[in-house]
Protein backbone atom coordinates (compact mmCIF):
# COMPACT_ATOMS: atom_id res chain seq x y z
CA UNK A 1 32.59 37.46 -55.29
CA UNK A 2 28.81 37.54 -54.54
CA UNK A 3 27.02 38.19 -57.68
CA UNK A 4 24.09 41.62 -58.09
CA UNK A 5 20.57 40.72 -57.58
CA UNK A 6 19.46 40.01 -61.56
CA UNK A 7 16.10 40.48 -62.98
CA UNK A 8 14.56 39.50 -66.81
CA UNK A 9 12.64 42.32 -67.79
CA UNK A 10 10.94 40.25 -71.06
CA UNK A 11 9.49 42.14 -73.67
CA UNK A 12 8.27 40.73 -76.74
CA UNK A 13 8.94 42.16 -79.91
CA UNK A 14 6.49 41.43 -82.54
CA UNK A 15 7.59 44.07 -85.21
CA UNK A 16 11.32 45.81 -85.26
CA UNK A 17 9.37 49.05 -86.86
CA UNK A 18 7.59 49.59 -83.63
CA UNK A 19 10.60 48.79 -81.20
CA UNK A 20 13.37 51.37 -81.59
CA UNK A 21 15.65 49.60 -78.94
CA UNK A 22 18.97 47.45 -79.09
CA UNK A 23 17.24 44.09 -78.23
CA UNK A 24 14.63 44.63 -81.66
CA UNK A 25 17.90 44.52 -83.99
CA UNK A 26 19.38 40.93 -83.51
CA UNK A 27 17.39 37.44 -84.36
CA UNK A 28 17.67 36.38 -80.61
CA UNK A 29 18.53 39.41 -78.28
CA UNK A 30 19.80 40.14 -75.04
CA UNK A 31 19.88 43.85 -73.75
CA UNK A 32 22.02 44.33 -70.17
CA UNK A 33 20.42 47.43 -68.04
CA UNK A 34 22.05 47.87 -64.54
CA UNK A 35 21.33 50.34 -62.54
CA UNK A 36 19.49 52.93 -61.81
CA UNK A 37 22.05 55.62 -62.37
CA UNK A 38 21.92 59.48 -63.33
CA UNK A 39 22.22 59.99 -66.90
CA UNK A 40 25.37 61.47 -67.65
CA UNK A 41 27.02 59.45 -64.56
CA UNK A 42 29.45 56.86 -64.64
CA UNK A 43 29.72 54.74 -61.68
CA UNK A 44 31.95 51.79 -60.80
CA UNK A 45 29.67 49.36 -59.43
CA UNK A 46 27.81 49.70 -62.35
CA UNK A 47 30.21 48.97 -65.05
CA UNK A 48 31.29 46.02 -62.80
CA UNK A 49 27.69 44.86 -62.86
CA UNK A 50 27.52 45.16 -66.26
CA UNK A 51 30.58 43.66 -67.19
CA UNK A 52 29.94 40.22 -64.43
CA UNK A 53 26.22 40.35 -66.07
CA UNK A 54 28.13 39.85 -69.98
CA UNK A 55 30.27 37.31 -68.44
CA UNK A 56 27.73 35.70 -67.00
CA UNK A 57 26.02 35.12 -70.34
CA UNK A 58 29.36 33.68 -72.15
CA UNK A 59 30.30 31.60 -69.40
CA UNK A 60 26.50 30.22 -69.99
CA UNK A 61 26.93 30.03 -73.35
CA UNK A 62 30.15 28.14 -73.23
CA UNK A 63 29.57 25.48 -70.80
CA UNK A 64 25.73 24.87 -72.77
CA UNK A 65 28.09 24.33 -75.63
CA UNK A 66 29.99 21.51 -73.74
CA UNK A 67 27.26 19.93 -72.07
CA UNK A 68 23.58 20.66 -71.89
CA UNK A 69 22.48 22.12 -69.61
CA UNK A 70 19.30 21.12 -66.84
CA UNK A 71 17.26 24.47 -67.40
CA UNK A 72 14.25 25.06 -65.10
CA UNK A 73 10.81 25.24 -67.32
CA UNK A 74 10.00 28.46 -66.71
CA UNK A 75 11.94 31.90 -65.11
CA UNK A 76 10.46 34.54 -63.04
CA UNK A 77 10.21 38.15 -65.08
CA UNK A 78 8.90 40.96 -65.60
CA UNK A 79 7.22 42.56 -68.68
CA UNK A 80 5.67 45.54 -69.58
CA UNK A 81 3.17 43.27 -72.07
CA UNK A 82 3.73 45.47 -74.41
CA UNK A 83 1.68 48.45 -72.97
CA UNK A 84 4.75 50.72 -71.64
CA UNK A 85 2.00 51.68 -68.88
CA UNK A 86 3.29 54.46 -66.94
CA UNK A 87 1.84 56.19 -63.70
CA UNK A 88 2.12 59.60 -64.69
CA UNK A 89 3.84 62.19 -63.16
CA UNK A 90 1.83 65.43 -61.67
CA UNK A 91 2.85 68.59 -63.57
CA UNK A 92 1.58 72.19 -63.68
CA UNK A 93 0.39 73.63 -66.86
CA UNK A 94 3.66 74.15 -68.27
CA UNK A 95 4.88 70.35 -68.26
CA UNK A 96 7.20 70.83 -64.74
CA UNK A 97 7.27 68.06 -62.57
CA UNK A 98 4.94 69.22 -59.14
CA UNK A 99 5.78 66.69 -56.86
CA UNK A 100 8.39 64.10 -55.57
CA UNK A 101 8.88 60.67 -55.60
CA UNK A 102 7.26 59.55 -52.01
CA UNK A 103 10.20 58.51 -50.02
CA UNK A 104 8.51 54.63 -49.51
CA UNK A 105 8.84 53.87 -53.19
CA UNK A 106 12.22 55.50 -54.16
CA UNK A 107 14.81 52.94 -55.06
CA UNK A 108 12.04 50.19 -55.14
CA UNK A 109 12.10 49.65 -58.53
CA UNK A 110 10.46 45.69 -59.05
CA UNK A 111 9.34 45.80 -55.60
CA UNK A 112 5.23 44.79 -55.55
CA UNK A 113 3.25 48.32 -55.53
CA UNK A 114 0.01 47.74 -54.37
CA UNK A 115 -3.12 49.76 -54.39
CA UNK A 116 -2.85 52.93 -51.87
CA UNK A 117 0.25 52.50 -51.85
CA UNK A 118 2.43 56.25 -51.67
CA UNK A 119 3.83 57.15 -55.33
CA UNK A 120 4.50 60.84 -54.86
CA UNK A 121 4.27 63.38 -52.62
CA UNK A 122 2.82 66.74 -53.82
CA UNK A 123 4.66 69.85 -53.11
CA UNK A 124 1.79 70.51 -50.97
CA UNK A 125 2.60 68.05 -48.64
CA UNK A 126 -0.27 66.06 -49.87
CA UNK A 127 0.03 62.24 -50.87
CA UNK A 128 -0.75 60.86 -54.71
CA UNK A 129 -1.62 56.49 -53.68
CA UNK A 130 -1.73 54.27 -56.43
CA UNK A 131 -4.99 53.70 -57.27
CA UNK A 132 -4.71 50.85 -60.01
CA UNK A 133 -6.62 47.67 -59.38
CA UNK A 134 -4.00 45.06 -58.98
CA UNK A 135 -0.37 44.66 -58.07
CA UNK A 136 2.02 45.58 -60.34
CA UNK A 137 6.42 46.11 -59.68
CA UNK A 138 7.38 49.92 -60.83
CA UNK A 139 10.50 49.84 -62.96
CA UNK A 140 12.82 52.98 -63.88
CA UNK A 141 11.42 54.70 -60.89
CA UNK A 142 12.71 58.86 -60.68
CA UNK A 143 14.90 58.64 -63.89
CA UNK A 144 15.45 61.99 -65.22
CA UNK A 145 14.69 61.01 -68.56
CA UNK A 146 11.05 60.28 -67.77
CA UNK A 147 9.99 63.32 -65.94
CA UNK A 148 8.77 65.09 -69.56
CA UNK A 149 6.15 64.36 -72.27
CA UNK A 150 9.00 63.99 -75.02
CA UNK A 151 10.52 61.15 -73.21
CA UNK A 152 7.61 58.94 -71.73
CA UNK A 153 6.55 60.94 -68.29
CA UNK A 154 6.19 58.34 -65.47
CA UNK A 155 7.31 56.05 -63.77
CA UNK A 156 7.18 52.10 -66.05
CA UNK A 157 4.81 49.46 -64.40
CA UNK A 158 5.55 46.05 -65.02
CA UNK A 159 3.79 42.64 -63.92
CA UNK A 160 5.44 39.61 -62.52
CA UNK A 161 5.36 36.68 -65.01
CA UNK A 162 6.39 32.99 -65.16
CA UNK A 163 8.29 32.99 -69.05
CA UNK A 164 8.52 29.72 -70.29
CA UNK A 165 11.87 28.98 -70.56
CA UNK A 166 12.24 27.07 -74.84
CA UNK A 167 14.09 24.03 -75.11
CA UNK A 168 17.47 24.18 -76.87
CA UNK A 169 17.21 23.93 -80.29
CA UNK A 170 18.28 20.10 -81.70
CA UNK A 171 16.80 18.37 -78.63
């Protein structure tokens, strides 16, 4: 069957102490995240996509052990470049959101956001546009876990990079 689209979000982890994530506990780490899915919801298609991703990684490892695989010199990836930069969610004095994700942005994770593109729709109907200097790639758009300051409020921003593929050990 057709494989779901995959994207690589590369996190350079300099210090495990400053990175309390699953990908930071191993010498070499892969973290698989499929979605988006609202918190507390189980969706068959997302569970199946996660299983396919794990099986593809295992198939690659088995194939590489059989015979060396020719890999490209780079792979397209996205990175937060350690900044964990976010588009701040508009909030009131009590910290509650006062805007919705604009319909033109909703569901467009990893797609380009250009200066002037709409990001939020305020409750009064006015539009908040992206005012950054260059193209970015929003991630984790409208995730409920990022509505509040305690969870790092906002929409994550990534940049597209060509990630060098290192040679396999022993080659």
